[in-house]
Amino acid sequence: MYWLILFLAGILEAGWLVGIQKSESFTNIPYVIFAVFSMSLSLVLFSIALKDIPVSQAYLVWLAIGASSISIINHYFFDQPLSIQQLFCFCLIFIGVAGLKMSN
């Protein structure tokens, strides 16, 4: 359960990055509100996940999911290129996340 919460926190981390990107230097208020909401909820979920997952593992997973998510979001919604090498590295990240979960 805590791993799912951590996964959602990582996705929301990507959400606040998109919100900041689309806010146009904090002038587009709906995106600013979205960014603040995503950031807050991401941190709350991250702190809940820390009840069962060691902080060193949780932080690595949170960052990995956030980084992977933002790259995928940028590819599909903002037409940024995504190479085969990047996809391969994302697969390695998720294999590492699965390995962390199995070791816990």
N, C-alpha and C. Protein backbone atom coordinates (compact mmCIF):
# COMPACT_ATOMS: atom_id res chain seq x y z
N MET A 1 0.82 -1.20 0.00
CA MET A 1 0.00 0.00 0.00
C MET A 1 0.86 1.26 0.00
N TYR A 2 1.92 1.26 0.83
CA TYR A 2 2.77 2.44 0.92
C TYR A 2 3.56 2.67 -0.38
N TRP A 3 3.86 1.58 -1.08
CA TRP A 3 4.56 1.72 -2.36
C TRP A 3 3.64 2.37 -3.40
N LEU A 4 2.37 2.05 -3.37
CA LEU A 4 1.42 2.70 -4.27
C LEU A 4 1.29 4.19 -3.95
N ILE A 5 1.25 4.50 -2.68
CA ILE A 5 1.19 5.91 -2.26
C ILE A 5 2.44 6.65 -2.73
N LEU A 6 3.59 6.00 -2.62
CA LEU A 6 4.84 6.61 -3.08
C LEU A 6 4.82 6.81 -4.59
N PHE A 7 4.28 5.84 -5.33
CA PHE A 7 4.16 5.97 -6.78
C PHE A 7 3.29 7.17 -7.15
N LEU A 8 2.17 7.33 -6.46
CA LEU A 8 1.29 8.48 -6.72
C LEU A 8 1.99 9.80 -6.39
N ALA A 9 2.78 9.79 -5.32
CA ALA A 9 3.53 11.00 -4.97
C ALA A 9 4.52 11.36 -6.07
N GLY A 10 5.15 10.36 -6.68
CA GLY A 10 6.08 10.60 -7.78
C GLY A 10 5.38 11.16 -9.00
N ILE A 11 4.19 10.64 -9.30
CA ILE A 11 3.42 11.16 -10.44
C ILE A 11 3.03 12.62 -10.18
N LEU A 12 2.61 12.91 -8.95
CA LEU A 12 2.23 14.29 -8.63
C LEU A 12 3.42 15.23 -8.66
N GLU A 13 4.63 14.70 -8.41
CA GLU A 13 5.81 15.54 -8.54
C GLU A 13 5.95 16.03 -9.98
N ALA A 14 5.69 15.14 -10.92
CA ALA A 14 5.71 15.54 -12.33
C ALA A 14 4.60 16.55 -12.62
N GLY A 15 3.46 16.40 -11.94
CA GLY A 15 2.35 17.32 -12.13
C GLY A 15 2.71 18.75 -11.75
N TRP A 16 3.41 18.92 -10.63
CA TRP A 16 3.74 20.29 -10.26
C TRP A 16 4.82 20.87 -11.16
N LEU A 17 5.68 20.03 -11.71
CA LEU A 17 6.66 20.53 -12.67
C LEU A 17 5.99 21.02 -13.95
N VAL A 18 4.98 20.29 -14.41
CA VAL A 18 4.21 20.72 -15.58
C VAL A 18 3.47 22.02 -15.27
N GLY A 19 2.90 22.10 -14.08
CA GLY A 19 2.20 23.31 -13.67
C GLY A 19 3.09 24.54 -13.67
N ILE A 20 4.31 24.38 -13.16
CA ILE A 20 5.25 25.50 -13.14
C ILE A 20 5.65 25.87 -14.57
N GLN A 21 5.89 24.85 -15.39
CA GLN A 21 6.27 25.10 -16.79
C GLN A 21 5.18 25.86 -17.53
N LYS A 22 3.94 25.47 -17.34
CA LYS A 22 2.82 26.08 -18.06
C LYS A 22 2.34 27.39 -17.42
N SER A 23 2.80 27.71 -16.22
CA SER A 23 2.32 28.92 -15.55
C SER A 23 2.90 30.20 -16.13
N GLU A 24 3.90 30.06 -17.00
CA GLU A 24 4.51 31.22 -17.65
C GLU A 24 5.00 32.24 -16.61
N SER A 25 5.95 31.80 -15.80
CA SER A 25 6.53 32.63 -14.74
C SER A 25 5.48 33.08 -13.73
N PHE A 26 4.60 32.18 -13.38
CA PHE A 26 3.56 32.40 -12.37
C PHE A 26 2.56 33.48 -12.76
N THR A 27 2.33 33.66 -14.06
CA THR A 27 1.32 34.63 -14.50
C THR A 27 0.01 33.96 -14.89
N ASN A 28 0.03 32.68 -15.17
CA ASN A 28 -1.17 31.94 -15.53
C ASN A 28 -1.68 31.24 -14.26
N ILE A 29 -2.59 31.89 -13.58
CA ILE A 29 -3.00 31.49 -12.22
C ILE A 29 -3.55 30.06 -12.13
N PRO A 30 -4.37 29.57 -13.04
CA PRO A 30 -4.84 28.18 -12.90
C PRO A 30 -3.69 27.16 -12.85
N TYR A 31 -2.64 27.39 -13.63
CA TYR A 31 -1.50 26.48 -13.58
C TYR A 31 -0.70 26.64 -12.29
N VAL A 32 -0.65 27.85 -11.77
CA VAL A 32 0.01 28.08 -10.48
C VAL A 32 -0.73 27.30 -9.39
N ILE A 33 -2.05 27.38 -9.39
CA ILE A 33 -2.86 26.67 -8.40
C ILE A 33 -2.65 25.16 -8.55
N PHE A 34 -2.64 24.68 -9.79
CA PHE A 34 -2.40 23.26 -10.04
C PHE A 34 -1.03 22.83 -9.53
N ALA A 35 -0.01 23.67 -9.77
CA ALA A 35 1.34 23.35 -9.31
C ALA A 35 1.42 23.28 -7.80
N VAL A 36 0.84 24.25 -7.12
CA VAL A 36 0.86 24.27 -5.65
C VAL A 36 0.09 23.08 -5.08
N PHE A 37 -1.06 22.76 -5.67
CA PHE A 37 -1.85 21.62 -5.22
C PHE A 37 -1.07 20.31 -5.42
N SER A 38 -0.47 20.14 -6.61
CA SER A 38 0.28 18.92 -6.89
C SER A 38 1.49 18.78 -5.98
N MET A 39 2.18 19.89 -5.76
CA MET A 39 3.35 19.87 -4.89
C MET A 39 2.97 19.50 -3.47
N SER A 40 1.92 20.11 -2.97
CA SER A 40 1.48 19.85 -1.60
C SER A 40 1.04 18.40 -1.42
N LEU A 41 0.22 17.92 -2.35
CA LEU A 41 -0.26 16.55 -2.25
C LEU A 41 0.89 15.55 -2.42
N SER A 42 1.84 15.85 -3.28
CA SER A 42 3.00 14.99 -3.47
C SER A 42 3.79 14.86 -2.17
N LEU A 43 4.01 15.98 -1.51
CA LEU A 43 4.77 15.94 -0.26
C LEU A 43 4.00 15.23 0.85
N VAL A 44 2.69 15.42 0.91
CA VAL A 44 1.88 14.73 1.91
C VAL A 44 1.93 13.22 1.68
N LEU A 45 1.75 12.80 0.43
CA LEU A 45 1.79 11.36 0.13
C LEU A 45 3.18 10.80 0.37
N PHE A 46 4.21 11.56 0.05
CA PHE A 46 5.57 11.11 0.31
C PHE A 46 5.79 10.90 1.80
N SER A 47 5.31 11.81 2.61
CA SER A 47 5.49 11.68 4.06
C SER A 47 4.70 10.49 4.61
N ILE A 48 3.55 10.19 4.03
CA ILE A 48 2.79 9.01 4.45
C ILE A 48 3.55 7.74 4.10
N ALA A 49 4.14 7.72 2.90
CA ALA A 49 4.90 6.54 2.47
C ALA A 49 6.10 6.29 3.37
N LEU A 50 6.64 7.33 3.98
CA LEU A 50 7.80 7.18 4.85
C LEU A 50 7.50 6.41 6.13
N LYS A 51 6.23 6.19 6.42
CA LYS A 51 5.88 5.41 7.61
C LYS A 51 6.34 3.96 7.49
N ASP A 52 6.43 3.45 6.25
CA ASP A 52 6.78 2.04 6.07
C ASP A 52 8.02 1.83 5.21
N ILE A 53 8.41 2.82 4.42
CA ILE A 53 9.53 2.68 3.49
C ILE A 53 10.70 3.51 4.02
N PRO A 54 11.90 2.94 4.05
CA PRO A 54 13.06 3.72 4.50
C PRO A 54 13.26 4.96 3.63
N VAL A 55 13.66 6.05 4.24
CA VAL A 55 13.74 7.33 3.55
C VAL A 55 14.70 7.28 2.37
N SER A 56 15.80 6.56 2.48
CA SER A 56 16.76 6.51 1.37
C SER A 56 16.14 5.83 0.14
N GLN A 57 15.40 4.77 0.34
CA GLN A 57 14.73 4.10 -0.77
C GLN A 57 13.58 4.94 -1.30
N ALA A 58 12.80 5.50 -0.40
CA ALA A 58 11.63 6.27 -0.81
C ALA A 58 12.04 7.48 -1.65
N TYR A 59 13.08 8.17 -1.24
CA TYR A 59 13.51 9.36 -1.97
C TYR A 59 13.99 9.00 -3.38
N LEU A 60 14.76 7.93 -3.49
CA LEU A 60 15.23 7.50 -4.81
C LEU A 60 14.06 7.13 -5.73
N VAL A 61 13.11 6.41 -5.19
CA VAL A 61 11.95 5.99 -5.99
C VAL A 61 11.12 7.20 -6.38
N TRP A 62 10.90 8.10 -5.45
CA TRP A 62 10.11 9.32 -5.69
C TRP A 62 10.73 10.14 -6.82
N LEU A 63 12.06 10.33 -6.75
CA LEU A 63 12.74 11.08 -7.80
C LEU A 63 12.71 10.36 -9.14
N ALA A 64 12.92 9.05 -9.12
CA ALA A 64 12.94 8.28 -10.36
C ALA A 64 11.59 8.31 -11.05
N ILE A 65 10.54 8.13 -10.30
CA ILE A 65 9.20 8.16 -10.89
C ILE A 65 8.86 9.56 -11.39
N GLY A 66 9.23 10.58 -10.63
CA GLY A 66 8.98 11.95 -11.06
C GLY A 66 9.74 12.29 -12.33
N ALA A 67 11.02 11.92 -12.40
CA ALA A 67 11.82 12.22 -13.58
C ALA A 67 11.31 11.47 -14.81
N SER A 68 10.98 10.21 -14.63
CA SER A 68 10.45 9.43 -15.75
C SER A 68 9.11 9.98 -16.21
N SER A 69 8.26 10.31 -15.26
CA SER A 69 6.93 10.81 -15.58
C SER A 69 6.99 12.13 -16.34
N ILE A 70 7.85 13.04 -15.90
CA ILE A 70 7.92 14.33 -16.57
C ILE A 70 8.44 14.17 -17.99
N SER A 71 9.35 13.26 -18.21
CA SER A 71 9.85 13.03 -19.57
C SER A 71 8.77 12.45 -20.46
N ILE A 72 8.00 11.52 -19.95
CA ILE A 72 6.92 10.91 -20.72
C ILE A 72 5.81 11.92 -20.99
N ILE A 73 5.47 12.72 -19.99
CA ILE A 73 4.44 13.76 -20.16
C ILE A 73 4.90 14.77 -21.21
N ASN A 74 6.15 15.20 -21.12
CA ASN A 74 6.66 16.16 -22.09
C ASN A 74 6.66 15.58 -23.49
N HIS A 75 6.92 14.30 -23.63
CA HIS A 75 6.92 13.67 -24.95
C HIS A 75 5.51 13.64 -25.55
N TYR A 76 4.54 13.21 -24.77
CA TYR A 76 3.19 13.04 -25.31
C TYR A 76 2.39 14.33 -25.42
N PHE A 77 2.61 15.27 -24.51
CA PHE A 77 1.78 16.47 -24.51
C PHE A 77 2.48 17.72 -25.04
N PHE A 78 3.81 17.74 -25.03
CA PHE A 78 4.54 18.94 -25.44
C PHE A 78 5.52 18.66 -26.58
N ASP A 79 5.39 17.51 -27.23
CA ASP A 79 6.16 17.15 -28.43
C ASP A 79 7.67 17.24 -28.25
N GLN A 80 8.17 16.87 -27.08
CA GLN A 80 9.61 16.79 -26.90
C GLN A 80 10.06 15.37 -27.27
N PRO A 81 11.18 15.25 -27.96
CA PRO A 81 11.62 13.93 -28.41
C PRO A 81 12.02 13.02 -27.24
N LEU A 82 11.83 11.73 -27.44
CA LEU A 82 12.20 10.72 -26.46
C LEU A 82 12.91 9.61 -27.22
N SER A 83 14.19 9.43 -26.95
CA SER A 83 14.99 8.48 -27.72
C SER A 83 14.87 7.06 -27.16
N ILE A 84 15.34 6.12 -27.94
CA ILE A 84 15.36 4.71 -27.52
C ILE A 84 16.26 4.55 -26.30
N GLN A 85 17.37 5.28 -26.27
CA GLN A 85 18.28 5.20 -25.12
C GLN A 85 17.58 5.69 -23.85
N GLN A 86 16.80 6.76 -23.96
CA GLN A 86 16.08 7.26 -22.79
C GLN A 86 15.04 6.24 -22.32
N LEU A 87 14.32 5.65 -23.25
CA LEU A 87 13.34 4.63 -22.88
C LEU A 87 14.01 3.45 -22.20
N PHE A 88 15.16 3.04 -22.71
CA PHE A 88 15.91 1.95 -22.10
C PHE A 88 16.31 2.30 -20.67
N CYS A 89 16.78 3.52 -20.46
CA CYS A 89 17.17 3.94 -19.11
C CYS A 89 15.96 4.02 -18.17
N PHE A 90 14.80 4.44 -18.69
CA PHE A 90 13.59 4.44 -17.86
C PHE A 90 13.23 3.01 -17.45
N CYS A 91 13.41 2.08 -18.37
CA CYS A 91 13.16 0.67 -18.02
C CYS A 91 14.11 0.22 -16.92
N LEU A 92 15.37 0.63 -17.00
CA LEU A 92 16.32 0.29 -15.93
C LEU A 92 15.91 0.90 -14.60
N ILE A 93 15.40 2.13 -14.65
CA ILE A 93 14.92 2.77 -13.42
C ILE A 93 13.79 1.95 -12.80
N PHE A 94 12.83 1.54 -13.63
CA PHE A 94 11.69 0.79 -13.10
C PHE A 94 12.10 -0.60 -12.63
N ILE A 95 13.10 -1.20 -13.26
CA ILE A 95 13.63 -2.48 -12.77
C ILE A 95 14.27 -2.26 -11.40
N GLY A 96 14.98 -1.15 -11.24
CA GLY A 96 15.57 -0.83 -9.94
C GLY A 96 14.51 -0.59 -8.88
N VAL A 97 13.42 0.09 -9.25
CA VAL A 97 12.32 0.32 -8.31
C VAL A 97 11.70 -1.01 -7.89
N ALA A 98 11.48 -1.90 -8.86
CA ALA A 98 10.92 -3.21 -8.54
C ALA A 98 11.88 -3.99 -7.64
N GLY A 99 13.18 -3.88 -7.90
CA GLY A 99 14.16 -4.54 -7.04
C GLY A 99 14.15 -4.00 -5.63
N LEU A 100 13.99 -2.69 -5.47
CA LEU A 100 13.89 -2.11 -4.14
C LEU A 100 12.66 -2.63 -3.40
N LYS A 101 11.55 -2.73 -4.14
CA LYS A 101 10.33 -3.21 -3.50
C LYS A 101 10.48 -4.65 -3.06
N MET A 102 11.08 -5.48 -3.90
CA MET A 102 11.23 -6.89 -3.55
C MET A 102 12.22 -7.09 -2.40
N SER A 103 13.15 -6.16 -2.24
CA SER A 103 14.13 -6.31 -1.16
C SER A 103 13.59 -5.82 0.18
N ASN A 104 12.46 -5.14 0.16
CA ASN A 104 11.90 -4.58 1.38
C ASN A 104 11.03 -5.58 2.10
